[in-house]
């Protein structure tokens, strides 16, 4: 498993960590969407485990990729059908999002002496309440860290009166993010026994969608 740490676009002067089985997927995603060749090169060197500063490259926004021994324990999947979600960007501005189906994948893991709760998701048929017109919907733009793969059909309208027009929209998290950390196995077992995600955890999981500006 790879631990990928990047400059968090959603929190000033913070580092965001994601766990990925294949960190190369992140590079492929960046390569296809990033226009700055220097940033692409920094990402490529980082995935090789090389220090970008030693290569004469700036470390600005360069990811830190390390291999970690992560032992996955309990697993739970949670699904939501035809749901409305309220998400907030970094500045606290609220947005209402509709999903035809949301699959949240939760894993409890041991990393060294830490107990982690990790989450990932796939959102199908996602759109956003149109803030400029009453009753309408608009296409979602991911404004947080670049760890989300957004599939969009070329025929999807930017704005529509019908949520079903966005049925082919799909947003997938490329890895897992940390939703919680525990000190003991008793705390882990108590969390597993809840068999649900709180609204705050769902918002935390999807926060890279609204991110800084959404």
C-alpha atoms as a PDB file:
ATOM      1  CA  UNK A   1       0.000   0.000   0.000  1.00  0.00           C
ATOM      2  CA  UNK A   2       1.186   3.544  -0.756  1.00  0.00           C
ATOM      3  CA  UNK A   3       0.656   6.578   1.432  1.00  0.00           C
ATOM      4  CA  UNK A   4       0.376   9.708  -0.690  1.00  0.00           C
ATOM      5  CA  UNK A   5       0.718  13.082   1.036  1.00  0.00           C
ATOM      6  CA  UNK A   6      -0.069  16.220  -0.924  1.00  0.00           C
ATOM      7  CA  UNK A   7      -0.577  19.892  -0.170  1.00  0.00           C
ATOM      8  CA  UNK A   8      -4.223  20.119   0.816  1.00  0.00           C
ATOM      9  CA  UNK A   9      -6.091  22.565  -1.389  1.00  0.00           C
ATOM     10  CA  UNK A  10      -8.951  22.627   1.095  1.00  0.00           C
ATOM     11  CA  UNK A  11      -7.005  23.600   4.227  1.00  0.00           C
ATOM     12  CA  UNK A  12      -4.375  26.322   4.262  1.00  0.00           C
ATOM     13  CA  UNK A  13      -0.869  25.045   5.124  1.00  0.00           C
ATOM     14  CA  UNK A  14      -2.087  21.506   5.784  1.00  0.00           C
ATOM     15  CA  UNK A  15      -1.124  18.138   4.347  1.00  0.00           C
ATOM     16  CA  UNK A  16      -3.729  15.653   3.135  1.00  0.00           C
ATOM     17  CA  UNK A  17      -2.975  11.934   3.240  1.00  0.00           C
ATOM     18  CA  UNK A  18      -4.499   9.214   1.095  1.00  0.00           C
ATOM     19  CA  UNK A  19      -3.809   5.487   1.008  1.00  0.00           C
ATOM     20  CA  UNK A  20      -3.671   3.822  -2.394  1.00  0.00           C
ATOM     21  CA  UNK A  21      -3.099   0.289  -3.547  1.00  0.00           C
ATOM     22  CA  UNK A  22      -1.670   1.651  -6.783  1.00  0.00           C
ATOM     23  CA  UNK A  23      -0.350   5.212  -6.573  1.00  0.00           C
ATOM     24  CA  UNK A  24       0.347   5.139 -10.314  1.00  0.00           C
ATOM     25  CA  UNK A  25      -3.393   5.660 -10.839  1.00  0.00           C
ATOM     26  CA  UNK A  26      -2.987   9.116  -9.333  1.00  0.00           C
ATOM     27  CA  UNK A  27      -0.151   9.895 -11.731  1.00  0.00           C
ATOM     28  CA  UNK A  28      -2.255   8.742 -14.699  1.00  0.00           C
ATOM     29  CA  UNK A  29      -5.067  10.968 -13.498  1.00  0.00           C
ATOM     30  CA  UNK A  30      -2.768  13.985 -13.104  1.00  0.00           C
ATOM     31  CA  UNK A  31      -1.074  13.346 -16.448  1.00  0.00           C
ATOM     32  CA  UNK A  32      -4.419  13.410 -18.253  1.00  0.00           C
ATOM     33  CA  UNK A  33      -5.757  16.529 -16.525  1.00  0.00           C
ATOM     34  CA  UNK A  34      -2.717  18.624 -15.616  1.00  0.00           C
ATOM     35  CA  UNK A  35      -1.470  21.173 -18.160  1.00  0.00           C
ATOM     36  CA  UNK A  36       1.722  22.141 -16.306  1.00  0.00           C
ATOM     37  CA  UNK A  37       4.510  19.845 -17.518  1.00  0.00           C
ATOM     38  CA  UNK A  38       6.740  20.632 -14.529  1.00  0.00           C
ATOM     39  CA  UNK A  39       4.076  19.450 -12.087  1.00  0.00           C
ATOM     40  CA  UNK A  40       3.645  16.252 -14.103  1.00  0.00           C
ATOM     41  CA  UNK A  41       7.403  15.693 -13.962  1.00  0.00           C
ATOM     42  CA  UNK A  42       7.470  16.260 -10.197  1.00  0.00           C
ATOM     43  CA  UNK A  43       4.731  13.684  -9.796  1.00  0.00           C
ATOM     44  CA  UNK A  44       6.593  11.155 -11.931  1.00  0.00           C
ATOM     45  CA  UNK A  45       9.805  11.527  -9.905  1.00  0.00           C
ATOM     46  CA  UNK A  46       7.909  11.337  -6.624  1.00  0.00           C
ATOM     47  CA  UNK A  47       6.321   8.030  -7.595  1.00  0.00           C
ATOM     48  CA  UNK A  48       9.803   6.643  -8.205  1.00  0.00           C
ATOM     49  CA  UNK A  49      10.662   7.516  -4.616  1.00  0.00           C
ATOM     50  CA  UNK A  50      13.167  10.187  -5.650  1.00  0.00           C
ATOM     51  CA  UNK A  51      13.483  13.507  -3.854  1.00  0.00           C
ATOM     52  CA  UNK A  52      12.431  16.204  -6.262  1.00  0.00           C
ATOM     53  CA  UNK A  53      14.625  18.804  -4.566  1.00  0.00           C
ATOM     54  CA  UNK A  54      17.713  16.700  -5.345  1.00  0.00           C
ATOM     55  CA  UNK A  55      16.791  16.836  -9.018  1.00  0.00           C
ATOM     56  CA  UNK A  56      16.647  20.616  -9.143  1.00  0.00           C
ATOM     57  CA  UNK A  57      12.843  20.655  -9.195  1.00  0.00           C
ATOM     58  CA  UNK A  58      10.731  22.766  -6.899  1.00  0.00           C
ATOM     59  CA  UNK A  59       8.871  20.803  -4.243  1.00  0.00           C
ATOM     60  CA  UNK A  60       5.812  23.017  -4.451  1.00  0.00           C
ATOM     61  CA  UNK A  61       2.741  20.744  -4.503  1.00  0.00           C
ATOM     62  CA  UNK A  62       4.952  17.731  -5.197  1.00  0.00           C
ATOM     63  CA  UNK A  63       3.486  14.653  -3.533  1.00  0.00           C
ATOM     64  CA  UNK A  64       5.329  12.528  -1.011  1.00  0.00           C
ATOM     65  CA  UNK A  65       4.808   8.854  -1.835  1.00  0.00           C
ATOM     66  CA  UNK A  66       5.918   6.195   0.638  1.00  0.00           C
ATOM     67  CA  UNK A  67       5.253   2.496   0.967  1.00  0.00           C
ATOM     68  CA  UNK A  68       3.585   1.488   4.219  1.00  0.00           C
ATOM     69  CA  UNK A  69       2.550  -1.793   5.768  1.00  0.00           C
ATOM     70  CA  UNK A  70      -1.192  -1.455   6.135  1.00  0.00           C
ATOM     71  CA  UNK A  71      -3.139  -4.397   7.501  1.00  0.00           C
ATOM     72  CA  UNK A  72      -6.805  -4.238   6.598  1.00  0.00           C
ATOM     73  CA  UNK A  73      -9.164  -5.673   9.204  1.00  0.00           C
ATOM     74  CA  UNK A  74     -12.912  -5.194   9.110  1.00  0.00           C
ATOM     75  CA  UNK A  75     -14.674  -4.024   5.952  1.00  0.00           C
ATOM     76  CA  UNK A  76     -18.103  -2.486   5.523  1.00  0.00           C
ATOM     77  CA  UNK A  77     -19.837  -1.033   2.474  1.00  0.00           C
ATOM     78  CA  UNK A  78     -22.673   1.451   2.784  1.00  0.00           C
ATOM     79  CA  UNK A  79     -25.033   2.448  -0.020  1.00  0.00           C
ATOM     80  CA  UNK A  80     -27.476   5.293  -0.481  1.00  0.00           C
ATOM     81  CA  UNK A  81     -30.049   5.483  -3.270  1.00  0.00           C
ATOM     82  CA  UNK A  82     -31.550   8.661  -4.729  1.00  0.00           C
ATOM     83  CA  UNK A  83     -30.303  10.858  -1.914  1.00  0.00           C
ATOM     84  CA  UNK A  84     -29.677  14.535  -1.266  1.00  0.00           C
ATOM     85  CA  UNK A  85     -26.364  15.423   0.394  1.00  0.00           C
ATOM     86  CA  UNK A  86     -25.424  18.770   1.939  1.00  0.00           C
ATOM     87  CA  UNK A  87     -21.719  19.555   1.505  1.00  0.00           C
ATOM     88  CA  UNK A  88     -19.720  22.624   2.531  1.00  0.00           C
ATOM     89  CA  UNK A  89     -16.610  24.064   0.970  1.00  0.00           C
ATOM     90  CA  UNK A  90     -13.657  25.355   2.986  1.00  0.00           C
ATOM     91  CA  UNK A  91     -15.283  28.749   3.469  1.00  0.00           C
ATOM     92  CA  UNK A  92     -18.460  27.173   4.828  1.00  0.00           C
ATOM     93  CA  UNK A  93     -20.647  27.849   1.803  1.00  0.00           C
ATOM     94  CA  UNK A  94     -23.339  25.204   1.479  1.00  0.00           C
ATOM     95  CA  UNK A  95     -24.250  23.214  -1.607  1.00  0.00           C
ATOM     96  CA  UNK A  96     -26.913  20.543  -2.107  1.00  0.00           C
ATOM     97  CA  UNK A  97     -25.912  17.538  -4.189  1.00  0.00           C
ATOM     98  CA  UNK A  98     -28.087  14.780  -5.585  1.00  0.00           C
ATOM     99  CA  UNK A  99     -26.801  11.232  -6.128  1.00  0.00           C
ATOM    100  CA  UNK A 100     -28.685   8.444  -7.848  1.00  0.00           C
ATOM    101  CA  UNK A 101     -26.504   5.988  -5.916  1.00  0.00           C
ATOM    102  CA  UNK A 102     -23.597   6.385  -3.529  1.00  0.00           C
ATOM    103  CA  UNK A 103     -21.354   3.512  -2.474  1.00  0.00           C
ATOM    104  CA  UNK A 104     -19.101   4.265   0.499  1.00  0.00           C
ATOM    105  CA  UNK A 105     -16.341   1.729   1.144  1.00  0.00           C
ATOM    106  CA  UNK A 106     -15.052   1.759   4.739  1.00  0.00           C
ATOM    107  CA  UNK A 107     -12.001  -0.160   5.952  1.00  0.00           C
ATOM    108  CA  UNK A 108     -10.506  -0.386   9.440  1.00  0.00           C
ATOM    109  CA  UNK A 109      -6.747  -0.869   9.312  1.00  0.00           C
ATOM    110  CA  UNK A 110      -3.619  -1.100  11.418  1.00  0.00           C
ATOM    111  CA  UNK A 111      -0.632   0.992  10.347  1.00  0.00           C
ATOM    112  CA  UNK A 112       2.280   0.648  12.756  1.00  0.00           C
ATOM    113  CA  UNK A 113       0.844   1.450  16.166  1.00  0.00           C
ATOM    114  CA  UNK A 114      -2.124   3.377  14.744  1.00  0.00           C
ATOM    115  CA  UNK A 115      -5.702   2.200  14.192  1.00  0.00           C
ATOM    116  CA  UNK A 116      -7.238   3.942  11.188  1.00  0.00           C
ATOM    117  CA  UNK A 117     -10.714   4.217   9.715  1.00  0.00           C
ATOM    118  CA  UNK A 118     -10.402   4.652   5.959  1.00  0.00           C
ATOM    119  CA  UNK A 119     -13.066   5.578   3.443  1.00  0.00           C
ATOM    120  CA  UNK A 120     -13.511   5.692  -0.309  1.00  0.00           C
ATOM    121  CA  UNK A 121     -16.563   6.206  -2.484  1.00  0.00           C
ATOM    122  CA  UNK A 122     -18.214   5.937  -5.880  1.00  0.00           C
ATOM    123  CA  UNK A 123     -21.023   8.389  -6.654  1.00  0.00           C
ATOM    124  CA  UNK A 124     -23.213   7.672  -9.684  1.00  0.00           C
ATOM    125  CA  UNK A 125     -25.694  10.051 -11.251  1.00  0.00           C
ATOM    126  CA  UNK A 126     -24.388  12.983  -9.269  1.00  0.00           C
ATOM    127  CA  UNK A 127     -25.429  16.583  -9.868  1.00  0.00           C
ATOM    128  CA  UNK A 128     -25.747  19.774  -7.885  1.00  0.00           C
ATOM    129  CA  UNK A 129     -28.707  21.995  -7.135  1.00  0.00           C
ATOM    130  CA  UNK A 130     -28.416  24.951  -9.474  1.00  0.00           C
ATOM    131  CA  UNK A 131     -27.705  27.951  -7.274  1.00  0.00           C
ATOM    132  CA  UNK A 132     -28.653  30.395 -10.031  1.00  0.00           C
ATOM    133  CA  UNK A 133     -32.105  29.039 -10.861  1.00  0.00           C
ATOM    134  CA  UNK A 134     -34.888  27.661  -8.709  1.00  0.00           C
ATOM    135  CA  UNK A 135     -35.636  23.979  -9.214  1.00  0.00           C
ATOM    136  CA  UNK A 136     -32.809  23.224 -11.631  1.00  0.00           C
ATOM    137  CA  UNK A 137     -29.683  21.081 -11.522  1.00  0.00           C
ATOM    138  CA  UNK A 138     -26.131  21.650 -12.703  1.00  0.00           C
ATOM    139  CA  UNK A 139     -23.087  19.562 -13.500  1.00  0.00           C
ATOM    140  CA  UNK A 140     -20.661  19.011 -10.628  1.00  0.00           C
ATOM    141  CA  UNK A 141     -17.132  20.417 -10.667  1.00  0.00           C
ATOM    142  CA  UNK A 142     -14.596  18.851  -8.281  1.00  0.00           C
ATOM    143  CA  UNK A 143     -12.785  21.714  -6.542  1.00  0.00           C
ATOM    144  CA  UNK A 144     -10.704  19.947  -3.880  1.00  0.00           C
ATOM    145  CA  UNK A 145      -7.595  17.780  -3.961  1.00  0.00           C
ATOM    146  CA  UNK A 146      -6.974  16.064  -7.327  1.00  0.00           C
ATOM    147  CA  UNK A 147      -7.774  12.561  -6.068  1.00  0.00           C
ATOM    148  CA  UNK A 148     -11.166  12.161  -7.712  1.00  0.00           C
ATOM    149  CA  UNK A 149     -11.794  10.623 -11.111  1.00  0.00           C
ATOM    150  CA  UNK A 150     -14.779  12.340 -12.728  1.00  0.00           C
ATOM    151  CA  UNK A 151     -16.380  10.585 -15.678  1.00  0.00           C
ATOM    152  CA  UNK A 152     -18.716  12.797 -17.658  1.00  0.00           C
ATOM    153  CA  UNK A 153     -20.548  11.905 -20.827  1.00  0.00           C
ATOM    154  CA  UNK A 154     -20.039  14.403 -23.625  1.00  0.00           C
ATOM    155  CA  UNK A 155     -23.811  14.722 -23.981  1.00  0.00           C
ATOM    156  CA  UNK A 156     -24.412  15.751 -20.373  1.00  0.00           C
ATOM    157  CA  UNK A 157     -25.901  19.275 -20.192  1.00  0.00           C
ATOM    158  CA  UNK A 158     -24.293  21.833 -17.921  1.00  0.00           C
ATOM    159  CA  UNK A 159     -27.716  22.761 -16.573  1.00  0.00           C
ATOM    160  CA  UNK A 160     -31.003  20.877 -16.683  1.00  0.00           C
ATOM    161  CA  UNK A 161     -34.406  20.797 -15.034  1.00  0.00           C
ATOM    162  CA  UNK A 162     -34.135  17.004 -14.634  1.00  0.00           C
ATOM    163  CA  UNK A 163     -31.686  15.127 -12.397  1.00  0.00           C
ATOM    164  CA  UNK A 164     -31.957  12.054 -14.639  1.00  0.00           C
ATOM    165  CA  UNK A 165     -30.083  13.956 -17.350  1.00  0.00           C
ATOM    166  CA  UNK A 166     -26.971  13.450 -15.189  1.00  0.00           C
ATOM    167  CA  UNK A 167     -27.426   9.686 -14.790  1.00  0.00           C
ATOM    168  CA  UNK A 168     -24.086   8.911 -16.474  1.00  0.00           C
ATOM    169  CA  UNK A 169     -22.052  11.243 -14.254  1.00  0.00           C
ATOM    170  CA  UNK A 170     -19.680   9.282 -12.019  1.00  0.00           C
ATOM    171  CA  UNK A 171     -17.136  10.429  -9.426  1.00  0.00           C
ATOM    172  CA  UNK A 172     -14.717   7.898  -7.927  1.00  0.00           C
ATOM    173  CA  UNK A 173     -12.121   8.410  -5.208  1.00  0.00           C
ATOM    174  CA  UNK A 174      -8.813   6.943  -6.382  1.00  0.00           C
ATOM    175  CA  UNK A 175      -7.713   5.822  -2.915  1.00  0.00           C
ATOM    176  CA  UNK A 176      -8.793   5.916   0.719  1.00  0.00           C
ATOM    177  CA  UNK A 177      -8.785   8.901   3.055  1.00  0.00           C
ATOM    178  CA  UNK A 178      -8.607   8.836   6.840  1.00  0.00           C
ATOM    179  CA  UNK A 179     -12.024   9.279   8.473  1.00  0.00           C
ATOM    180  CA  UNK A 180     -10.873   8.564  12.006  1.00  0.00           C
ATOM    181  CA  UNK A 181      -8.074   7.319  14.239  1.00  0.00           C
ATOM    182  CA  UNK A 182      -8.392   5.223  17.384  1.00  0.00           C
ATOM    183  CA  UNK A 183      -6.156   4.451  20.334  1.00  0.00           C
ATOM    184  CA  UNK A 184      -7.408   0.962  21.224  1.00  0.00           C
ATOM    185  CA  UNK A 185      -9.091  -2.035  19.640  1.00  0.00           C
ATOM    186  CA  UNK A 186     -12.072  -1.500  21.940  1.00  0.00           C
ATOM    187  CA  UNK A 187     -12.650   1.879  20.270  1.00  0.00           C
ATOM    188  CA  UNK A 188     -12.300   0.256  16.849  1.00  0.00           C
ATOM    189  CA  UNK A 189     -14.813  -2.482  17.685  1.00  0.00           C
ATOM    190  CA  UNK A 190     -17.276   0.043  19.077  1.00  0.00           C
ATOM    191  CA  UNK A 191     -17.062   2.043  15.850  1.00  0.00           C
ATOM    192  CA  UNK A 192     -17.517  -1.075  13.702  1.00  0.00           C
ATOM    193  CA  UNK A 193     -20.575  -2.044  15.735  1.00  0.00           C
ATOM    194  CA  UNK A 194     -22.355   1.215  14.758  1.00  0.00           C
ATOM    195  CA  UNK A 195     -22.746  -0.185  11.218  1.00  0.00           C
ATOM    196  CA  UNK A 196     -23.412   3.261   9.816  1.00  0.00           C
ATOM    197  CA  UNK A 197     -21.735   6.462   8.696  1.00  0.00           C
ATOM    198  CA  UNK A 198     -22.717   9.713  10.340  1.00  0.00           C
ATOM    199  CA  UNK A 199     -23.679  12.725   8.233  1.00  0.00           C
ATOM    200  CA  UNK A 200     -20.402  14.372   9.259  1.00  0.00           C
ATOM    201  CA  UNK A 201     -18.412  11.340   8.067  1.00  0.00           C
ATOM    202  CA  UNK A 202     -20.237  11.332   4.724  1.00  0.00           C
ATOM    203  CA  UNK A 203     -19.448  15.030   4.284  1.00  0.00           C
ATOM    204  CA  UNK A 204     -15.821  14.443   5.277  1.00  0.00           C
ATOM    205  CA  UNK A 205     -15.575  11.587   2.791  1.00  0.00           C
ATOM    206  CA  UNK A 206     -16.946  13.683  -0.088  1.00  0.00           C
ATOM    207  CA  UNK A 207     -15.246  16.948   0.881  1.00  0.00           C
ATOM    208  CA  UNK A 208     -12.878  16.890  -2.104  1.00  0.00           C
ATOM    209  CA  UNK A 209     -15.909  17.555  -4.316  1.00  0.00           C
ATOM    210  CA  UNK A 210     -16.734  21.087  -3.057  1.00  0.00           C
ATOM    211  CA  UNK A 211     -13.220  21.621  -1.687  1.00  0.00           C
ATOM    212  CA  UNK A 212     -11.930  25.154  -1.858  1.00  0.00           C
ATOM    213  CA  UNK A 213     -14.440  26.742  -4.185  1.00  0.00           C
ATOM    214  CA  UNK A 214     -17.381  24.416  -4.845  1.00  0.00           C
END
